[in-house]
Amino acid sequence: MAEFQVVVADPADGATYQLEVDGQDANRFIGRSIGEEADGGAVGLSGATLEITGGSDTSGRPMRDDVSGSSTEAVLLTGGTGYNPTADGERKRVTVRGSEVSDETRQINATVVDDGGNDVAATLGESDGDE
């Protein structure tokens, strides 16, 4: 059974909320890719729409939107997600996870696209542990 930590960003107030999602709610994310939209009911925002913006797997490897599928691949990077070069022209081969959410995914980053009339801060604010 899939279990994720979903980090929901609310662009309206700039806050983020971390939620544990498992069971049937977690299955709503399986098979979706970075850039796709998901139902906000999985995190308690019924009627809202979330856009998947990234994530990482159980080993901490970041998901990249330019790597298809859900498997890991060693890609040559010049920058971006997973690698920050220290000099101009520097490249490095880095193992990253594909853009599709699978059972190996541990964290999903999402942004609220449409709040569906919900007050995101009031609904998710109690669940974030008041960090």
Protein backbone atom coordinates (compact mmCIF):
# COMPACT_ATOMS: atom_id res chain seq x y z
CA MET A 1 0.00 0.00 0.00
CA ALA A 2 1.33 3.41 -0.97
CA GLU A 3 2.13 6.01 1.65
CA PHE A 4 3.27 9.55 0.85
CA GLN A 5 4.14 12.78 2.52
CA VAL A 6 2.40 15.45 0.48
CA VAL A 7 3.77 18.99 0.73
CA VAL A 8 1.00 21.35 -0.38
CA ALA A 9 1.95 24.93 -1.29
CA ASP A 10 -0.72 27.61 -1.23
CA PRO A 11 0.35 30.44 -3.57
CA ALA A 12 -2.40 32.70 -2.17
CA ASP A 13 -0.59 33.17 1.15
CA GLY A 14 2.81 31.57 0.47
CA ALA A 15 2.40 28.88 3.14
CA THR A 16 3.19 25.18 2.83
CA TYR A 17 1.54 22.29 4.64
CA GLN A 18 2.97 18.79 5.16
CA LEU A 19 0.47 15.94 5.30
CA GLU A 20 0.78 12.15 5.57
CA VAL A 21 -1.44 10.40 3.01
CA ASP A 22 -2.00 6.65 2.77
CA GLY A 23 -4.58 4.11 1.65
CA GLN A 24 -7.16 5.05 -0.94
CA ASP A 25 -6.16 8.73 -0.83
CA ALA A 26 -2.57 7.85 -1.79
CA ASN A 27 -3.79 5.82 -4.76
CA ARG A 28 -5.17 9.03 -6.30
CA PHE A 29 -1.56 10.09 -6.97
CA ILE A 30 -0.21 6.76 -8.35
CA GLY A 31 0.46 6.94 -12.10
CA ARG A 32 0.29 10.72 -12.32
CA SER A 33 3.26 12.72 -13.58
CA ILE A 34 4.80 16.08 -12.76
CA GLY A 35 2.59 18.81 -14.21
CA GLU A 36 -0.64 16.79 -13.97
CA GLU A 37 -3.52 17.77 -11.75
CA ALA A 38 -4.97 15.67 -8.92
CA ASP A 39 -8.06 15.86 -6.74
CA GLY A 40 -7.50 17.86 -3.54
CA GLY A 41 -9.80 15.50 -1.63
CA ALA A 42 -6.80 13.25 -1.06
CA VAL A 43 -5.39 15.83 1.39
CA GLY A 44 -8.69 17.06 2.83
CA LEU A 45 -9.45 19.82 0.31
CA SER A 46 -12.63 18.50 -1.31
CA GLY A 47 -13.39 20.32 -4.54
CA ALA A 48 -9.87 21.72 -4.81
CA THR A 49 -7.36 20.93 -7.55
CA LEU A 50 -3.66 20.27 -6.92
CA GLU A 51 -0.85 20.33 -9.49
CA ILE A 52 2.05 17.93 -8.90
CA THR A 53 5.28 19.94 -9.09
CA GLY A 54 7.88 17.38 -7.99
CA GLY A 55 8.89 14.97 -5.29
CA SER A 56 11.48 12.44 -4.20
CA ASP A 57 11.75 8.69 -3.68
CA THR A 58 12.53 6.58 -0.61
CA SER A 59 16.29 7.12 -1.14
CA GLY A 60 15.97 10.90 -1.48
CA ARG A 61 16.48 11.01 -5.26
CA PRO A 62 14.56 13.91 -6.78
CA MET A 63 11.93 13.47 -9.47
CA ARG A 64 12.69 15.21 -12.77
CA ASP A 65 10.05 16.17 -15.29
CA ASP A 66 12.35 15.49 -18.26
CA VAL A 67 12.88 11.80 -17.30
CA SER A 68 9.91 9.67 -18.37
CA GLY A 69 8.46 6.81 -16.36
CA SER A 70 8.92 6.02 -12.70
CA SER A 71 12.28 4.25 -12.74
CA THR A 72 15.69 5.64 -11.80
CA GLU A 73 18.11 6.77 -14.47
CA ALA A 74 21.64 8.14 -14.43
CA VAL A 75 21.50 11.31 -16.52
CA LEU A 76 24.16 13.88 -17.38
CA LEU A 77 23.06 17.19 -15.87
CA THR A 78 24.26 20.74 -16.37
CA GLY A 79 21.98 22.09 -13.62
CA GLY A 80 18.42 22.12 -12.40
CA THR A 81 16.69 19.69 -10.09
CA GLY A 82 19.20 17.29 -8.56
CA TYR A 83 22.41 19.15 -9.37
CA ASN A 84 23.80 22.62 -8.69
CA PRO A 85 27.05 23.21 -10.64
CA THR A 86 29.78 25.29 -9.00
CA ALA A 87 31.49 26.43 -12.23
CA ASP A 88 30.38 27.39 -15.73
CA GLY A 89 30.18 24.40 -18.08
CA GLU A 90 30.39 21.86 -15.27
CA ARG A 91 28.39 18.66 -15.82
CA LYS A 92 27.79 15.61 -13.66
CA ARG A 93 26.09 12.25 -14.01
CA VAL A 94 23.38 12.00 -11.34
CA THR A 95 20.85 9.26 -10.59
CA VAL A 96 17.33 10.71 -10.52
CA ARG A 97 13.78 9.34 -10.45
CA GLY A 98 11.39 9.68 -13.39
CA SER A 99 8.44 12.07 -13.44
CA GLU A 100 5.73 9.48 -12.69
CA VAL A 101 4.53 8.85 -9.12
CA SER A 102 4.92 5.21 -8.06
CA ASP A 103 5.13 3.07 -4.91
CA GLU A 104 8.79 4.09 -4.59
CA THR A 105 7.84 7.77 -4.23
CA ARG A 106 8.01 9.03 -0.63
CA GLN A 107 7.32 12.76 -0.97
CA ILE A 108 5.08 14.59 -3.42
CA ASN A 109 5.25 18.36 -3.86
CA ALA A 110 1.99 19.95 -5.01
CA THR A 111 0.56 23.43 -5.52
CA VAL A 112 -3.06 24.49 -5.07
CA VAL A 113 -4.33 25.50 -8.53
CA ASP A 114 -8.01 25.93 -7.61
CA ASP A 115 -9.06 26.05 -3.96
CA GLY A 116 -12.65 25.05 -4.77
CA GLY A 117 -14.03 27.58 -2.31
CA ASN A 118 -12.04 26.12 0.60
CA ASP A 119 -10.02 28.16 3.05
CA VAL A 120 -6.72 26.28 2.64
CA ALA A 121 -5.11 27.78 5.74
CA ALA A 122 -8.08 26.88 7.95
CA THR A 123 -8.43 23.35 6.52
CA LEU A 124 -4.77 22.33 6.46
CA GLY A 125 -3.40 24.68 9.12
CA GLU A 126 -4.17 22.35 12.04
CA SER A 127 -2.44 19.40 10.34
CA ASP A 128 1.01 20.95 9.78
CA GLY A 129 2.14 20.80 13.41
CA ASP A 130 2.41 24.61 13.62
CA GLU A 131 6.01 24.71 12.43
